[in-house]
C-alpha atoms as a PDB file:
ATOM      1  CA  UNK A   1     134.229 114.546 103.113  1.00  0.00           C
ATOM      2  CA  UNK A   2     132.643 111.134 103.465  1.00  0.00           C
ATOM      3  CA  UNK A   3     128.863 111.093 103.662  1.00  0.00           C
ATOM      4  CA  UNK A   4     127.494 109.105 106.551  1.00  0.00           C
ATOM      5  CA  UNK A   5     124.114 107.382 106.725  1.00  0.00           C
ATOM      6  CA  UNK A   6     122.566 110.090 108.887  1.00  0.00           C
ATOM      7  CA  UNK A   7     123.738 112.782 106.469  1.00  0.00           C
ATOM      8  CA  UNK A   8     122.115 110.878 103.616  1.00  0.00           C
ATOM      9  CA  UNK A   9     118.778 110.763 105.438  1.00  0.00           C
ATOM     10  CA  UNK A  10     118.698 114.413 106.353  1.00  0.00           C
ATOM     11  CA  UNK A  11     120.095 115.896 103.156  1.00  0.00           C
ATOM     12  CA  UNK A  12     117.698 117.908 101.048  1.00  0.00           C
ATOM     13  CA  UNK A  13     115.851 115.456  98.861  1.00  0.00           C
ATOM     14  CA  UNK A  14     113.361 116.322  96.185  1.00  0.00           C
ATOM     15  CA  UNK A  15     110.240 114.391  97.014  1.00  0.00           C
ATOM     16  CA  UNK A  16     107.363 115.206  94.687  1.00  0.00           C
ATOM     17  CA  UNK A  17     105.519 111.904  94.628  1.00  0.00           C
ATOM     18  CA  UNK A  18     101.762 111.450  94.618  1.00  0.00           C
ATOM     19  CA  UNK A  19      99.565 108.383  94.760  1.00  0.00           C
ATOM     20  CA  UNK A  20      99.173 108.717  90.992  1.00  0.00           C
ATOM     21  CA  UNK A  21     102.802 107.552  90.749  1.00  0.00           C
ATOM     22  CA  UNK A  22     101.829 104.153  92.154  1.00  0.00           C
ATOM     23  CA  UNK A  23     101.521 101.235  89.753  1.00  0.00           C
ATOM     24  CA  UNK A  24     100.680  97.576  90.085  1.00  0.00           C
ATOM     25  CA  UNK A  25     103.742  95.569  91.082  1.00  0.00           C
ATOM     26  CA  UNK A  26     103.248  91.864  90.306  1.00  0.00           C
ATOM     27  CA  UNK A  27     106.270  90.945  92.448  1.00  0.00           C
ATOM     28  CA  UNK A  28     106.229  93.199  95.501  1.00  0.00           C
ATOM     29  CA  UNK A  29     108.697  92.481  98.278  1.00  0.00           C
ATOM     30  CA  UNK A  30     107.257  90.827 101.386  1.00  0.00           C
ATOM     31  CA  UNK A  31     105.266  92.978 103.775  1.00  0.00           C
ATOM     32  CA  UNK A  32     107.695  92.384 106.637  1.00  0.00           C
ATOM     33  CA  UNK A  33     111.306  93.190 105.930  1.00  0.00           C
ATOM     34  CA  UNK A  34     110.703  94.027 102.289  1.00  0.00           C
ATOM     35  CA  UNK A  35     111.581  97.714 102.341  1.00  0.00           C
ATOM     36  CA  UNK A  36     114.395  99.364 104.231  1.00  0.00           C
ATOM     37  CA  UNK A  37     113.021 102.751 105.240  1.00  0.00           C
ATOM     38  CA  UNK A  38     116.487 103.711 106.420  1.00  0.00           C
ATOM     39  CA  UNK A  39     117.583 103.877 102.760  1.00  0.00           C
ATOM     40  CA  UNK A  40     115.416 106.946 102.238  1.00  0.00           C
ATOM     41  CA  UNK A  41     111.897 108.277 101.792  1.00  0.00           C
ATOM     42  CA  UNK A  42     111.437 106.691  98.364  1.00  0.00           C
ATOM     43  CA  UNK A  43     111.461 103.299 100.088  1.00  0.00           C
ATOM     44  CA  UNK A  44     108.720 104.560 102.421  1.00  0.00           C
ATOM     45  CA  UNK A  45     106.717 105.754  99.418  1.00  0.00           C
ATOM     46  CA  UNK A  46     107.144 102.454  97.554  1.00  0.00           C
ATOM     47  CA  UNK A  47     105.850 100.607 100.621  1.00  0.00           C
ATOM     48  CA  UNK A  48     102.411 102.014  99.755  1.00  0.00           C
ATOM     49  CA  UNK A  49     102.678 100.451  96.300  1.00  0.00           C
ATOM     50  CA  UNK A  50     103.750  97.141  97.849  1.00  0.00           C
ATOM     51  CA  UNK A  51     100.753  97.104 100.193  1.00  0.00           C
ATOM     52  CA  UNK A  52      98.322  98.063  97.431  1.00  0.00           C
ATOM     53  CA  UNK A  53      99.768  95.405  95.105  1.00  0.00           C
ATOM     54  CA  UNK A  54      99.649  92.691  97.764  1.00  0.00           C
ATOM     55  CA  UNK A  55      96.028  93.610  98.479  1.00  0.00           C
ATOM     56  CA  UNK A  56      95.187  93.680  94.750  1.00  0.00           C
ATOM     57  CA  UNK A  57      96.540  90.126  94.417  1.00  0.00           C
ATOM     58  CA  UNK A  58      94.463  88.925  97.371  1.00  0.00           C
ATOM     59  CA  UNK A  59      97.503  88.351  99.596  1.00  0.00           C
ATOM     60  CA  UNK A  60      96.318  90.835 102.238  1.00  0.00           C
ATOM     61  CA  UNK A  61      92.885  91.487 103.685  1.00  0.00           C
ATOM     62  CA  UNK A  62      91.613  95.080 103.615  1.00  0.00           C
ATOM     63  CA  UNK A  63      91.935  95.548 107.374  1.00  0.00           C
ATOM     64  CA  UNK A  64      95.479  94.140 107.345  1.00  0.00           C
ATOM     65  CA  UNK A  65      96.477  96.473 104.486  1.00  0.00           C
ATOM     66  CA  UNK A  66      95.116  99.487 106.369  1.00  0.00           C
ATOM     67  CA  UNK A  67      96.867  98.414 109.589  1.00  0.00           C
ATOM     68  CA  UNK A  68     100.153  98.004 107.664  1.00  0.00           C
ATOM     69  CA  UNK A  69      99.840 101.521 106.217  1.00  0.00           C
ATOM     70  CA  UNK A  70      99.048 103.013 109.616  1.00  0.00           C
ATOM     71  CA  UNK A  71     101.891 101.115 111.263  1.00  0.00           C
ATOM     72  CA  UNK A  72     104.396 102.490 108.751  1.00  0.00           C
ATOM     73  CA  UNK A  73     102.851 105.961 109.036  1.00  0.00           C
ATOM     74  CA  UNK A  74     102.895 106.224 112.820  1.00  0.00           C
ATOM     75  CA  UNK A  75     105.518 103.744 114.064  1.00  0.00           C
ATOM     76  CA  UNK A  76     108.259 103.756 111.412  1.00  0.00           C
ATOM     77  CA  UNK A  77     108.378 106.904 109.285  1.00  0.00           C
ATOM     78  CA  UNK A  78     108.560 109.464 112.145  1.00  0.00           C
ATOM     79  CA  UNK A  79     111.681 107.744 113.485  1.00  0.00           C
ATOM     80  CA  UNK A  80     113.766 107.570 110.294  1.00  0.00           C
ATOM     81  CA  UNK A  81     115.437 110.968 110.556  1.00  0.00           C
ATOM     82  CA  UNK A  82     113.853 112.249 107.347  1.00  0.00           C
ATOM     83  CA  UNK A  83     113.516 116.035 107.027  1.00  0.00           C
ATOM     84  CA  UNK A  84     110.315 117.329 108.623  1.00  0.00           C
ATOM     85  CA  UNK A  85     108.828 118.415 105.281  1.00  0.00           C
ATOM     86  CA  UNK A  86     109.268 114.893 103.881  1.00  0.00           C
ATOM     87  CA  UNK A  87     107.715 113.326 106.987  1.00  0.00           C
ATOM     88  CA  UNK A  88     104.708 115.612 106.495  1.00  0.00           C
ATOM     89  CA  UNK A  89     104.439 114.671 102.800  1.00  0.00           C
ATOM     90  CA  UNK A  90     104.673 110.961 103.592  1.00  0.00           C
ATOM     91  CA  UNK A  91     102.118 111.326 106.383  1.00  0.00           C
ATOM     92  CA  UNK A  92      99.685 112.972 103.955  1.00  0.00           C
ATOM     93  CA  UNK A  93     100.329 110.275 101.315  1.00  0.00           C
ATOM     94  CA  UNK A  94      99.730 107.466 103.806  1.00  0.00           C
ATOM     95  CA  UNK A  95      96.552 109.145 105.035  1.00  0.00           C
ATOM     96  CA  UNK A  96      95.344 109.494 101.439  1.00  0.00           C
ATOM     97  CA  UNK A  97      96.292 105.866 100.726  1.00  0.00           C
ATOM     98  CA  UNK A  98      94.086 104.640 103.578  1.00  0.00           C
ATOM     99  CA  UNK A  99      91.200 106.694 102.195  1.00  0.00           C
ATOM    100  CA  UNK A 100      91.717 105.225  98.719  1.00  0.00           C
ATOM    101  CA  UNK A 101      91.652 101.684 100.097  1.00  0.00           C
ATOM    102  CA  UNK A 102      88.543 102.422 102.145  1.00  0.00           C
ATOM    103  CA  UNK A 103      86.853 103.838  99.048  1.00  0.00           C
ATOM    104  CA  UNK A 104      87.849 101.102  96.589  1.00  0.00           C
ATOM    105  CA  UNK A 105      87.427  98.255  99.121  1.00  0.00           C
ATOM    106  CA  UNK A 106      88.080  95.274  96.790  1.00  0.00           C
ATOM    107  CA  UNK A 107      91.245  93.787  95.316  1.00  0.00           C
ATOM    108  CA  UNK A 108      89.835  94.092  91.774  1.00  0.00           C
ATOM    109  CA  UNK A 109      89.060  97.796  92.207  1.00  0.00           C
ATOM    110  CA  UNK A 110      92.527  98.472  93.647  1.00  0.00           C
ATOM    111  CA  UNK A 111      94.223  96.582  90.810  1.00  0.00           C
ATOM    112  CA  UNK A 112      92.217  98.560  88.216  1.00  0.00           C
ATOM    113  CA  UNK A 113      93.124 101.783  90.010  1.00  0.00           C
ATOM    114  CA  UNK A 114      96.833 100.903  90.035  1.00  0.00           C
ATOM    115  CA  UNK A 115      96.752  99.890  86.370  1.00  0.00           C
ATOM    116  CA  UNK A 116      95.074 103.193  85.489  1.00  0.00           C
ATOM    117  CA  UNK A 117      98.417 104.853  86.379  1.00  0.00           C
ATOM    118  CA  UNK A 118     100.402 102.912  83.812  1.00  0.00           C
ATOM    119  CA  UNK A 119     101.543  99.410  82.995  1.00  0.00           C
ATOM    120  CA  UNK A 120     102.632  97.072  85.777  1.00  0.00           C
ATOM    121  CA  UNK A 121     106.147  97.361  87.088  1.00  0.00           C
ATOM    122  CA  UNK A 122     108.502  95.268  85.014  1.00  0.00           C
ATOM    123  CA  UNK A 123     109.084  91.870  86.422  1.00  0.00           C
ATOM    124  CA  UNK A 124     112.713  90.958  86.958  1.00  0.00           C
ATOM    125  CA  UNK A 125     113.660  88.060  84.731  1.00  0.00           C
ATOM    126  CA  UNK A 126     115.207  84.939  86.105  1.00  0.00           C
ATOM    127  CA  UNK A 127     118.953  84.830  85.529  1.00  0.00           C
ATOM    128  CA  UNK A 128     118.682  82.125  82.843  1.00  0.00           C
ATOM    129  CA  UNK A 129     116.023  84.166  80.959  1.00  0.00           C
ATOM    130  CA  UNK A 130     118.178  87.294  81.185  1.00  0.00           C
ATOM    131  CA  UNK A 131     121.198  85.609  79.627  1.00  0.00           C
ATOM    132  CA  UNK A 132     119.199  83.284  77.318  1.00  0.00           C
END
């Protein structure tokens, strides 16, 4: 039996992430079009890391970061066909993420917070560095 895209989205997926799994990503994808939520809930989770990292680098203002989190939370995630339990977990994570940003308030504090969870995500080498 061939698995279709909708089957992939609704299949039982273990999703035990917390905000403590977030790390600083020095090369996050762009805010718009960077993550494809249709690929699965891990993409939705990593969007939080992208937003935090962009804010930590000064590429997003605090209010814009919060709006981006709320947009994903209310306008994208509920319409992806994820199982209800995963939608609830993501909703709680996004709500918690907004609270963390409101508490930390500055890019430096957010970067320190992300780095407290482990080293930055590995940067992908340029092709010539990879083979050189």
